[in-house]
C-alpha atoms as a PDB file:
ATOM      1  CA  MET A   1       3.593  -9.156  10.508  1.00  0.00           C
ATOM      2  CA  LEU A   2       2.397 -10.850   7.335  1.00  0.00           C
ATOM      3  CA  ASP A   3       0.414 -14.096   7.345  1.00  0.00           C
ATOM      4  CA  LYS A   4       2.754 -16.926   6.300  1.00  0.00           C
ATOM      5  CA  MET A   5       0.107 -19.068   4.583  1.00  0.00           C
ATOM      6  CA  TYR A   6      -1.121 -16.096   2.560  1.00  0.00           C
ATOM      7  CA  ILE A   7       2.414 -15.185   1.517  1.00  0.00           C
ATOM      8  CA  ASP A   8       3.246 -18.766   0.589  1.00  0.00           C
ATOM      9  CA  ARG A   9       0.244 -18.938  -1.751  1.00  0.00           C
ATOM     10  CA  LEU A  10       1.317 -15.735  -3.498  1.00  0.00           C
ATOM     11  CA  ILE A  11       4.898 -16.897  -3.869  1.00  0.00           C
ATOM     12  CA  MET A  12       3.887 -20.292  -5.205  1.00  0.00           C
ATOM     13  CA  THR A  13       1.591 -18.677  -7.774  1.00  0.00           C
ATOM     14  CA  ALA A  14       4.349 -16.293  -8.874  1.00  0.00           C
ATOM     15  CA  LEU A  15       6.988 -19.023  -9.149  1.00  0.00           C
ATOM     16  CA  LYS A  16       4.659 -21.257 -11.163  1.00  0.00           C
ATOM     17  CA  GLU A  17       3.965 -18.342 -13.482  1.00  0.00           C
ATOM     18  CA  ASP A  18       7.667 -17.689 -14.018  1.00  0.00           C
ATOM     19  CA  MET A  19       8.796 -21.303 -14.486  1.00  0.00           C
ATOM     20  CA  PRO A  20       5.804 -23.548 -15.190  1.00  0.00           C
ATOM     21  CA  MET A  21       8.104 -26.295 -16.530  1.00  0.00           C
ATOM     22  CA  GLY A  22      11.340 -25.349 -14.817  1.00  0.00           C
ATOM     23  CA  ASP A  23      14.116 -22.958 -15.806  1.00  0.00           C
ATOM     24  CA  ILE A  24      15.587 -24.299 -19.036  1.00  0.00           C
ATOM     25  CA  THR A  25      18.606 -21.973 -18.919  1.00  0.00           C
ATOM     26  CA  THR A  26      19.642 -22.579 -15.317  1.00  0.00           C
ATOM     27  CA  ASP A  27      18.919 -26.301 -15.400  1.00  0.00           C
ATOM     28  CA  SER A  28      21.040 -26.651 -18.556  1.00  0.00           C
ATOM     29  CA  LEU A  29      24.030 -24.657 -17.317  1.00  0.00           C
ATOM     30  CA  ILE A  30      24.312 -25.082 -13.555  1.00  0.00           C
ATOM     31  CA  ALA A  31      25.102 -28.262 -11.610  1.00  0.00           C
ATOM     32  CA  SER A  32      22.406 -29.173  -9.092  1.00  0.00           C
ATOM     33  CA  SER A  33      24.990 -29.184  -6.281  1.00  0.00           C
ATOM     34  CA  ALA A  34      26.532 -25.786  -7.088  1.00  0.00           C
ATOM     35  CA  VAL A  35      26.600 -23.148  -4.320  1.00  0.00           C
ATOM     36  CA  SER A  36      26.946 -19.384  -4.802  1.00  0.00           C
ATOM     37  CA  LYS A  37      26.907 -16.113  -2.905  1.00  0.00           C
ATOM     38  CA  ALA A  38      25.051 -12.989  -4.059  1.00  0.00           C
ATOM     39  CA  GLN A  39      24.180  -9.496  -2.861  1.00  0.00           C
ATOM     40  CA  LEU A  40      20.953  -7.544  -3.037  1.00  0.00           C
ATOM     41  CA  ILE A  41      21.997  -3.985  -3.837  1.00  0.00           C
ATOM     42  CA  ALA A  42      19.987  -0.751  -3.792  1.00  0.00           C
ATOM     43  CA  LYS A  43      20.452   1.126  -7.066  1.00  0.00           C
ATOM     44  CA  GLU A  44      18.638   4.248  -5.831  1.00  0.00           C
ATOM     45  CA  ASN A  45      17.559   5.855  -2.559  1.00  0.00           C
ATOM     46  CA  GLY A  46      14.302   4.678  -1.013  1.00  0.00           C
ATOM     47  CA  ILE A  47      12.418   2.880   1.742  1.00  0.00           C
ATOM     48  CA  ILE A  48      12.660  -0.899   1.835  1.00  0.00           C
ATOM     49  CA  ALA A  49       9.584  -3.121   2.164  1.00  0.00           C
ATOM     50  CA  GLY A  50       9.015  -6.793   1.413  1.00  0.00           C
ATOM     51  CA  LEU A  51      12.226  -8.309   2.750  1.00  0.00           C
ATOM     52  CA  ASP A  52      10.417 -11.182   4.460  1.00  0.00           C
ATOM     53  CA  VAL A  53       8.590 -11.972   1.225  1.00  0.00           C
ATOM     54  CA  ALA A  54      11.838 -11.946  -0.737  1.00  0.00           C
ATOM     55  CA  LYS A  55      13.528 -14.174   1.850  1.00  0.00           C
ATOM     56  CA  ARG A  56      10.651 -16.610   1.761  1.00  0.00           C
ATOM     57  CA  THR A  57      10.788 -16.740  -2.044  1.00  0.00           C
ATOM     58  CA  PHE A  58      14.412 -17.902  -1.986  1.00  0.00           C
ATOM     59  CA  ALA A  59      13.713 -20.354   0.859  1.00  0.00           C
ATOM     60  CA  PHE A  60      10.914 -21.915  -1.175  1.00  0.00           C
ATOM     61  CA  LEU A  61      13.566 -23.296  -3.533  1.00  0.00           C
ATOM     62  CA  ASP A  62      16.350 -23.884  -0.988  1.00  0.00           C
ATOM     63  CA  GLU A  63      15.335 -24.544   2.604  1.00  0.00           C
ATOM     64  CA  ASP A  64      18.952 -24.247   3.730  1.00  0.00           C
ATOM     65  CA  ILE A  65      19.669 -20.919   2.057  1.00  0.00           C
ATOM     66  CA  SER A  66      21.387 -18.278   4.200  1.00  0.00           C
ATOM     67  CA  ILE A  67      20.197 -14.657   3.931  1.00  0.00           C
ATOM     68  CA  ALA A  68      21.879 -12.006   6.069  1.00  0.00           C
ATOM     69  CA  LEU A  69      19.882  -8.766   6.104  1.00  0.00           C
ATOM     70  CA  SER A  70      21.519  -5.388   6.660  1.00  0.00           C
ATOM     71  CA  PHE A  71      18.179  -3.545   6.845  1.00  0.00           C
ATOM     72  CA  LYS A  72      14.590  -4.140   7.929  1.00  0.00           C
ATOM     73  CA  ASP A  73      11.316  -3.104   6.343  1.00  0.00           C
ATOM     74  CA  GLY A  74      10.740   0.613   6.803  1.00  0.00           C
ATOM     75  CA  ASP A  75      14.445   1.480   6.724  1.00  0.00           C
ATOM     76  CA  PHE A  76      15.792   4.090   4.322  1.00  0.00           C
ATOM     77  CA  VAL A  77      18.525   2.835   2.000  1.00  0.00           C
ATOM     78  CA  LYS A  78      20.901   4.771  -0.200  1.00  0.00           C
ATOM     79  CA  ALA A  79      22.031   3.905  -3.707  1.00  0.00           C
ATOM     80  CA  GLY A  80      24.920   1.461  -3.591  1.00  0.00           C
ATOM     81  CA  GLN A  81      24.156   0.019  -0.175  1.00  0.00           C
ATOM     82  CA  ILE A  82      24.040  -3.756   0.248  1.00  0.00           C
ATOM     83  CA  ILE A  83      20.599  -4.766   1.485  1.00  0.00           C
ATOM     84  CA  ALA A  84      21.348  -8.456   2.003  1.00  0.00           C
ATOM     85  CA  VAL A  85      23.877 -11.193   1.344  1.00  0.00           C
ATOM     86  CA  ILE A  86      22.506 -14.508   0.074  1.00  0.00           C
ATOM     87  CA  GLU A  87      24.375 -17.818   0.094  1.00  0.00           C
ATOM     88  CA  GLY A  88      22.948 -21.126  -1.068  1.00  0.00           C
ATOM     89  CA  ASN A  89      22.132 -23.389  -3.963  1.00  0.00           C
ATOM     90  CA  THR A  90      23.002 -21.596  -7.204  1.00  0.00           C
ATOM     91  CA  ARG A  91      20.014 -22.933  -9.107  1.00  0.00           C
ATOM     92  CA  ALA A  92      17.655 -21.815  -6.363  1.00  0.00           C
ATOM     93  CA  ILE A  93      19.078 -18.290  -6.279  1.00  0.00           C
ATOM     94  CA  LEU A  94      18.820 -17.911 -10.055  1.00  0.00           C
ATOM     95  CA  LYS A  95      15.294 -19.321 -10.246  1.00  0.00           C
ATOM     96  CA  ALA A  96      13.961 -17.202  -7.378  1.00  0.00           C
ATOM     97  CA  GLU A  97      15.786 -14.017  -8.361  1.00  0.00           C
ATOM     98  CA  ARG A  98      13.168 -12.337 -10.558  1.00  0.00           C
ATOM     99  CA  THR A  99      10.171 -13.292  -8.414  1.00  0.00           C
ATOM    100  CA  ALA A 100      11.869 -12.121  -5.224  1.00  0.00           C
ATOM    101  CA  LEU A 101      12.907  -8.858  -6.861  1.00  0.00           C
ATOM    102  CA  ASN A 102       9.444  -8.274  -8.309  1.00  0.00           C
ATOM    103  CA  PHE A 103       7.949  -8.417  -4.828  1.00  0.00           C
ATOM    104  CA  LEU A 104      10.747  -6.439  -3.195  1.00  0.00           C
ATOM    105  CA  GLN A 105      10.972  -3.707  -5.834  1.00  0.00           C
ATOM    106  CA  ARG A 106       7.223  -3.046  -6.044  1.00  0.00           C
ATOM    107  CA  LEU A 107       6.662  -3.018  -2.290  1.00  0.00           C
ATOM    108  CA  SER A 108       9.705  -0.808  -1.769  1.00  0.00           C
ATOM    109  CA  GLY A 109       8.396   1.540  -4.462  1.00  0.00           C
ATOM    110  CA  ILE A 110       5.100   1.843  -2.606  1.00  0.00           C
ATOM    111  CA  ALA A 111       6.850   2.400   0.720  1.00  0.00           C
ATOM    112  CA  THR A 112       9.096   5.035  -0.847  1.00  0.00           C
ATOM    113  CA  LYS A 113       6.234   6.967  -2.423  1.00  0.00           C
ATOM    114  CA  THR A 114       4.251   6.776   0.822  1.00  0.00           C
ATOM    115  CA  GLY A 115       7.233   8.141   2.712  1.00  0.00           C
ATOM    116  CA  GLU A 116       7.436  11.089   0.326  1.00  0.00           C
ATOM    117  CA  PHE A 117       3.793  11.991   0.952  1.00  0.00           C
ATOM    118  CA  CYS A 118       4.131  11.577   4.721  1.00  0.00           C
ATOM    119  CA  GLU A 119       7.259  13.731   4.793  1.00  0.00           C
ATOM    120  CA  LYS A 120       5.362  16.596   3.142  1.00  0.00           C
ATOM    121  CA  ILE A 121       2.893  16.861   6.051  1.00  0.00           C
ATOM    122  CA  LYS A 122       5.030  15.625   8.944  1.00  0.00           C
ATOM    123  CA  ASP A 123       4.416  18.837  10.905  1.00  0.00           C
ATOM    124  CA  LEU A 124       0.624  18.670  10.529  1.00  0.00           C
ATOM    125  CA  PRO A 125      -1.842  16.335  12.307  1.00  0.00           C
ATOM    126  CA  ALA A 126      -3.438  14.867   9.171  1.00  0.00           C
ATOM    127  CA  ILE A 127      -2.599  11.268   8.262  1.00  0.00           C
ATOM    128  CA  VAL A 128      -1.931   9.739   4.843  1.00  0.00           C
ATOM    129  CA  VAL A 129      -3.952   6.638   3.966  1.00  0.00           C
ATOM    130  CA  ASP A 130      -4.215   4.345   0.958  1.00  0.00           C
ATOM    131  CA  THR A 131      -7.253   3.221  -1.060  1.00  0.00           C
ATOM    132  CA  ARG A 132      -8.544   0.015  -2.663  1.00  0.00           C
ATOM    133  CA  LYS A 133      -6.757   0.941  -5.905  1.00  0.00           C
ATOM    134  CA  THR A 134      -4.348  -1.955  -5.539  1.00  0.00           C
ATOM    135  CA  THR A 135      -3.017  -4.737  -7.740  1.00  0.00           C
ATOM    136  CA  CYS A 136      -5.509  -7.614  -7.798  1.00  0.00           C
ATOM    137  CA  GLY A 137      -4.343 -10.350  -5.439  1.00  0.00           C
ATOM    138  CA  LEU A 138      -1.622  -8.220  -3.831  1.00  0.00           C
ATOM    139  CA  ARG A 139      -3.713  -5.882  -1.674  1.00  0.00           C
ATOM    140  CA  VAL A 140      -2.479  -7.167   1.687  1.00  0.00           C
ATOM    141  CA  LEU A 141       1.149  -6.824   0.602  1.00  0.00           C
ATOM    142  CA  GLU A 142       0.673  -3.395  -0.920  1.00  0.00           C
ATOM    143  CA  LYS A 143      -1.158  -2.062   2.096  1.00  0.00           C
ATOM    144  CA  TYR A 144       1.602  -3.506   4.271  1.00  0.00           C
ATOM    145  CA  ALA A 145       4.103  -1.526   2.186  1.00  0.00           C
ATOM    146  CA  VAL A 146       2.106   1.659   2.809  1.00  0.00           C
ATOM    147  CA  ARG A 147       2.513   1.106   6.551  1.00  0.00           C
ATOM    148  CA  ALA A 148       6.233   0.420   6.091  1.00  0.00           C
ATOM    149  CA  GLY A 149       6.471   3.823   4.412  1.00  0.00           C
ATOM    150  CA  GLY A 150       4.807   5.601   7.322  1.00  0.00           C
ATOM    151  CA  GLY A 151       1.233   5.762   6.043  1.00  0.00           C
ATOM    152  CA  GLN A 152      -1.905   4.135   7.388  1.00  0.00           C
ATOM    153  CA  ASN A 153      -4.527   1.908   5.839  1.00  0.00           C
ATOM    154  CA  HIS A 154      -8.052   2.789   4.754  1.00  0.00           C
ATOM    155  CA  ARG A 155     -10.504  -0.137   4.654  1.00  0.00           C
ATOM    156  CA  PHE A 156      -9.044  -3.344   3.256  1.00  0.00           C
ATOM    157  CA  CYS A 157     -12.153  -4.447   1.407  1.00  0.00           C
ATOM    158  CA  LEU A 158     -15.857  -3.829   0.879  1.00  0.00           C
ATOM    159  CA  SER A 159     -16.654  -6.073   3.847  1.00  0.00           C
ATOM    160  CA  ASP A 160     -14.998  -4.113   6.629  1.00  0.00           C
ATOM    161  CA  GLY A 161     -16.488  -0.637   6.446  1.00  0.00           C
ATOM    162  CA  VAL A 162     -19.441   1.349   5.127  1.00  0.00           C
ATOM    163  CA  LEU A 163     -18.414   3.963   2.565  1.00  0.00           C
ATOM    164  CA  ILE A 164     -21.406   5.494   0.820  1.00  0.00           C
ATOM    165  CA  LYS A 165     -20.193   6.857  -2.524  1.00  0.00           C
ATOM    166  CA  ASP A 166     -21.877   8.892  -5.233  1.00  0.00           C
ATOM    167  CA  ASN A 167     -23.447   5.918  -7.013  1.00  0.00           C
ATOM    168  CA  HIS A 168     -24.727   4.488  -3.724  1.00  0.00           C
ATOM    169  CA  ILE A 169     -26.333   7.852  -2.973  1.00  0.00           C
ATOM    170  CA  ARG A 170     -28.080   7.967  -6.333  1.00  0.00           C
ATOM    171  CA  ALA A 171     -29.236   4.360  -6.105  1.00  0.00           C
ATOM    172  CA  ALA A 172     -30.449   4.696  -2.507  1.00  0.00           C
ATOM    173  CA  GLY A 173     -32.331   7.972  -3.011  1.00  0.00           C
ATOM    174  CA  GLY A 174     -30.106  10.432  -1.180  1.00  0.00           C
ATOM    175  CA  ILE A 175     -27.581  10.681   1.627  1.00  0.00           C
ATOM    176  CA  LYS A 176     -30.038  10.706   4.523  1.00  0.00           C
ATOM    177  CA  LYS A 177     -31.877   7.643   3.292  1.00  0.00           C
ATOM    178  CA  ALA A 178     -28.630   5.825   2.517  1.00  0.00           C
ATOM    179  CA  VAL A 179     -27.194   6.451   5.995  1.00  0.00           C
ATOM    180  CA  GLU A 180     -30.433   5.489   7.748  1.00  0.00           C
ATOM    181  CA  THR A 181     -30.711   2.285   5.735  1.00  0.00           C
ATOM    182  CA  ALA A 182     -27.081   1.354   6.362  1.00  0.00           C
ATOM    183  CA  ARG A 183     -27.451   1.911  10.122  1.00  0.00           C
ATOM    184  CA  GLY A 184     -30.370  -0.489  10.118  1.00  0.00           C
ATOM    185  CA  HIS A 185     -28.216  -3.277   8.687  1.00  0.00           C
ATOM    186  CA  ILE A 186     -24.849  -2.976  10.450  1.00  0.00           C
ATOM    187  CA  PRO A 187     -23.601  -3.488  14.019  1.00  0.00           C
ATOM    188  CA  HIS A 188     -23.159  -0.414  16.205  1.00  0.00           C
ATOM    189  CA  THR A 189     -19.400  -0.985  16.115  1.00  0.00           C
ATOM    190  CA  ILE A 190     -19.090  -0.112  12.401  1.00  0.00           C
ATOM    191  CA  LYS A 191     -18.671   3.502  11.327  1.00  0.00           C
ATOM    192  CA  ILE A 192     -20.336   5.073   8.309  1.00  0.00           C
ATOM    193  CA  GLU A 193     -18.461   7.284   5.873  1.00  0.00           C
ATOM    194  CA  VAL A 194     -20.176   9.411   3.229  1.00  0.00           C
ATOM    195  CA  GLU A 195     -18.602  10.805   0.079  1.00  0.00           C
ATOM    196  CA  THR A 196     -19.580  14.412  -0.634  1.00  0.00           C
ATOM    197  CA  GLU A 197     -18.889  16.805  -3.495  1.00  0.00           C
ATOM    198  CA  THR A 198     -20.758  19.943  -2.370  1.00  0.00           C
ATOM    199  CA  ILE A 199     -21.461  21.884   0.815  1.00  0.00           C
ATOM    200  CA  ALA A 200     -25.113  20.891   0.540  1.00  0.00           C
ATOM    201  CA  GLN A 201     -24.090  17.238   0.633  1.00  0.00           C
ATOM    202  CA  VAL A 202     -21.783  17.920   3.589  1.00  0.00           C
ATOM    203  CA  ASN A 203     -24.713  19.395   5.504  1.00  0.00           C
ATOM    204  CA  GLU A 204     -26.906  16.436   4.587  1.00  0.00           C
ATOM    205  CA  ALA A 205     -24.223  14.025   5.814  1.00  0.00           C
ATOM    206  CA  LEU A 206     -23.994  15.966   9.086  1.00  0.00           C
ATOM    207  CA  GLU A 207     -27.751  15.841   9.555  1.00  0.00           C
ATOM    208  CA  ALA A 208     -27.627  12.078   8.955  1.00  0.00           C
ATOM    209  CA  ARG A 209     -24.885  11.822  11.631  1.00  0.00           C
ATOM    210  CA  ALA A 210     -22.254  10.283   9.398  1.00  0.00           C
ATOM    211  CA  ASP A 211     -19.119   9.338  11.330  1.00  0.00           C
ATOM    212  CA  ILE A 212     -16.696  10.309   8.561  1.00  0.00           C
ATOM    213  CA  ILE A 213     -17.278  12.781   5.736  1.00  0.00           C
ATOM    214  CA  MET A 214     -15.174  12.520   2.617  1.00  0.00           C
ATOM    215  CA  LEU A 215     -14.546  15.710   0.651  1.00  0.00           C
ATOM    216  CA  ASP A 216     -14.139  14.378  -2.851  1.00  0.00           C
ATOM    217  CA  ASN A 217     -12.406  16.424  -5.549  1.00  0.00           C
ATOM    218  CA  MET A 218     -13.263  19.743  -3.901  1.00  0.00           C
ATOM    219  CA  ASP A 219     -11.241  22.892  -4.516  1.00  0.00           C
ATOM    220  CA  TYR A 220      -9.412  24.497  -1.586  1.00  0.00           C
ATOM    221  CA  GLU A 221     -12.071  27.104  -0.793  1.00  0.00           C
ATOM    222  CA  THR A 222     -14.877  24.556  -0.780  1.00  0.00           C
ATOM    223  CA  MET A 223     -12.833  22.214   1.426  1.00  0.00           C
ATOM    224  CA  ARG A 224     -12.079  25.063   3.826  1.00  0.00           C
ATOM    225  CA  GLU A 225     -15.773  25.898   4.074  1.00  0.00           C
ATOM    226  CA  ALA A 226     -16.649  22.215   4.526  1.00  0.00           C
ATOM    227  CA  VAL A 227     -14.160  21.806   7.391  1.00  0.00           C
ATOM    228  CA  ARG A 228     -15.652  24.881   9.048  1.00  0.00           C
ATOM    229  CA  HIS A 229     -19.188  23.495   8.647  1.00  0.00           C
ATOM    230  CA  ILE A 230     -18.265  20.080  10.029  1.00  0.00           C
ATOM    231  CA  ASN A 231     -16.500  21.674  13.016  1.00  0.00           C
ATOM    232  CA  LYS A 232     -15.238  18.402  14.539  1.00  0.00           C
ATOM    233  CA  ARG A 233     -18.679  16.761  14.437  1.00  0.00           C
ATOM    234  CA  ALA A 234     -17.235  14.062  12.158  1.00  0.00           C
ATOM    235  CA  LEU A 235     -13.844  13.012  10.937  1.00  0.00           C
ATOM    236  CA  VAL A 236     -12.940  14.714   7.666  1.00  0.00           C
ATOM    237  CA  GLU A 237     -11.247  12.882   4.809  1.00  0.00           C
ATOM    238  CA  ALA A 238      -9.933  14.660   1.727  1.00  0.00           C
ATOM    239  CA  SER A 239      -9.720  12.639  -1.461  1.00  0.00           C
ATOM    240  CA  GLY A 240      -9.216  13.066  -5.178  1.00  0.00           C
ATOM    241  CA  ASN A 241      -6.182  14.045  -7.262  1.00  0.00           C
ATOM    242  CA  VAL A 242      -3.897  14.473  -4.252  1.00  0.00           C
ATOM    243  CA  SER A 243      -0.271  14.988  -5.296  1.00  0.00           C
ATOM    244  CA  LEU A 244       3.034  15.814  -3.641  1.00  0.00           C
ATOM    245  CA  ASP A 245       2.493  19.405  -4.777  1.00  0.00           C
ATOM    246  CA  THR A 246      -0.955  19.748  -3.194  1.00  0.00           C
ATOM    247  CA  ILE A 247      -0.942  17.559  -0.089  1.00  0.00           C
ATOM    248  CA  TYR A 248       0.497  20.162   2.284  1.00  0.00           C
ATOM    249  CA  ASP A 249      -2.081  22.796   1.355  1.00  0.00           C
ATOM    250  CA  ILE A 250      -4.872  20.230   1.751  1.00  0.00           C
ATOM    251  CA  ALA A 251      -3.607  19.119   5.162  1.00  0.00           C
ATOM    252  CA  ALA A 252      -3.312  22.755   6.272  1.00  0.00           C
ATOM    253  CA  LEU A 253      -7.069  23.184   5.776  1.00  0.00           C
ATOM    254  CA  GLY A 254      -7.642  21.080   8.894  1.00  0.00           C
ATOM    255  CA  VAL A 255      -8.719  17.731   7.458  1.00  0.00           C
ATOM    256  CA  ASP A 256      -8.013  14.614   9.512  1.00  0.00           C
ATOM    257  CA  ILE A 257      -7.300  12.090   6.770  1.00  0.00           C
ATOM    258  CA  ILE A 258      -5.931  12.354   3.236  1.00  0.00           C
ATOM    259  CA  SER A 259      -6.452   9.328   0.999  1.00  0.00           C
ATOM    260  CA  VAL A 260      -4.043   8.931  -1.900  1.00  0.00           C
ATOM    261  CA  GLY A 261      -4.768   6.372  -4.606  1.00  0.00           C
ATOM    262  CA  ALA A 262      -1.384   7.048  -6.202  1.00  0.00           C
ATOM    263  CA  LEU A 263       0.372   5.275  -3.328  1.00  0.00           C
ATOM    264  CA  THR A 264      -0.486   1.952  -4.936  1.00  0.00           C
ATOM    265  CA  HIS A 265      -1.909   2.451  -8.413  1.00  0.00           C
ATOM    266  CA  THR A 266       0.822   4.586 -10.017  1.00  0.00           C
ATOM    267  CA  VAL A 267       4.057   3.409  -8.471  1.00  0.00           C
ATOM    268  CA  LYS A 268       7.610   3.253  -9.785  1.00  0.00           C
ATOM    269  CA  ALA A 269       9.392   0.161  -8.531  1.00  0.00           C
ATOM    270  CA  LEU A 270      12.508   0.863  -6.480  1.00  0.00           C
ATOM    271  CA  ASP A 271      15.599  -0.149  -8.442  1.00  0.00           C
ATOM    272  CA  ILE A 272      17.212  -3.101  -6.665  1.00  0.00           C
ATOM    273  CA  SER A 273      19.519  -5.672  -8.234  1.00  0.00           C
ATOM    274  CA  LEU A 274      20.975  -9.053  -7.352  1.00  0.00           C
ATOM    275  CA  ARG A 275      24.652  -9.601  -8.135  1.00  0.00           C
ATOM    276  CA  PHE A 276      26.717 -12.757  -7.724  1.00  0.00           C
ATOM    277  CA  ILE A 277      30.038 -12.268  -5.923  1.00  0.00           C
END
């Protein structure tokens, strides 16, 4: 469930960006009382996400608009299938069209890519999670789309989890000191994750009693050795240059979590169109 006030702010910002002084084409051509019917159509196979956002975008401009959905977020659609039928004020449909599609296509693209990664390791216990490599201002929506595609979320922001990365380690004077200092400043309910690049760092993170150990950009043999060293004493996250070609082999090493920045930062929008009927 997405927060309505948050979504409304995003939609309003997007609509103002697209028509800061109205829609000169639509307002010139279409009578204010005109009513039309249109279909949202999938142009390629994929997983749908963002239908509520798209619906809300149209409703912003026509409170009485009717939108009949044939699918829900997380559903797989095939090319040619009708996702929804829209009926309402013609001006409203035309003005909201691009903004609604921008949201729907991007979120569906994220959900689709996430589903592809999850499908690769469906028979293994590891989970696929996202990162903070999201579009500025759209993080909540994009992370929602990851869940719609079958993935799970890493931390949402810098405020909700301790993740000690390479630059933190250098600035703090080492892993042990960084973990000890962090524990002295956070509640007992918050876990500490440490990014590691070598077996020596993995051992240091274990000695510091890190809750989660990230194996960052390690080759397969080093990851295998790291998993063996950790031996269930901490959760193990693999990260760095994970692709559809490599994710299965990484998951098979016994890691618990695989974070994939590509879920949100290099995404092809799902091709969806709106057609008047």
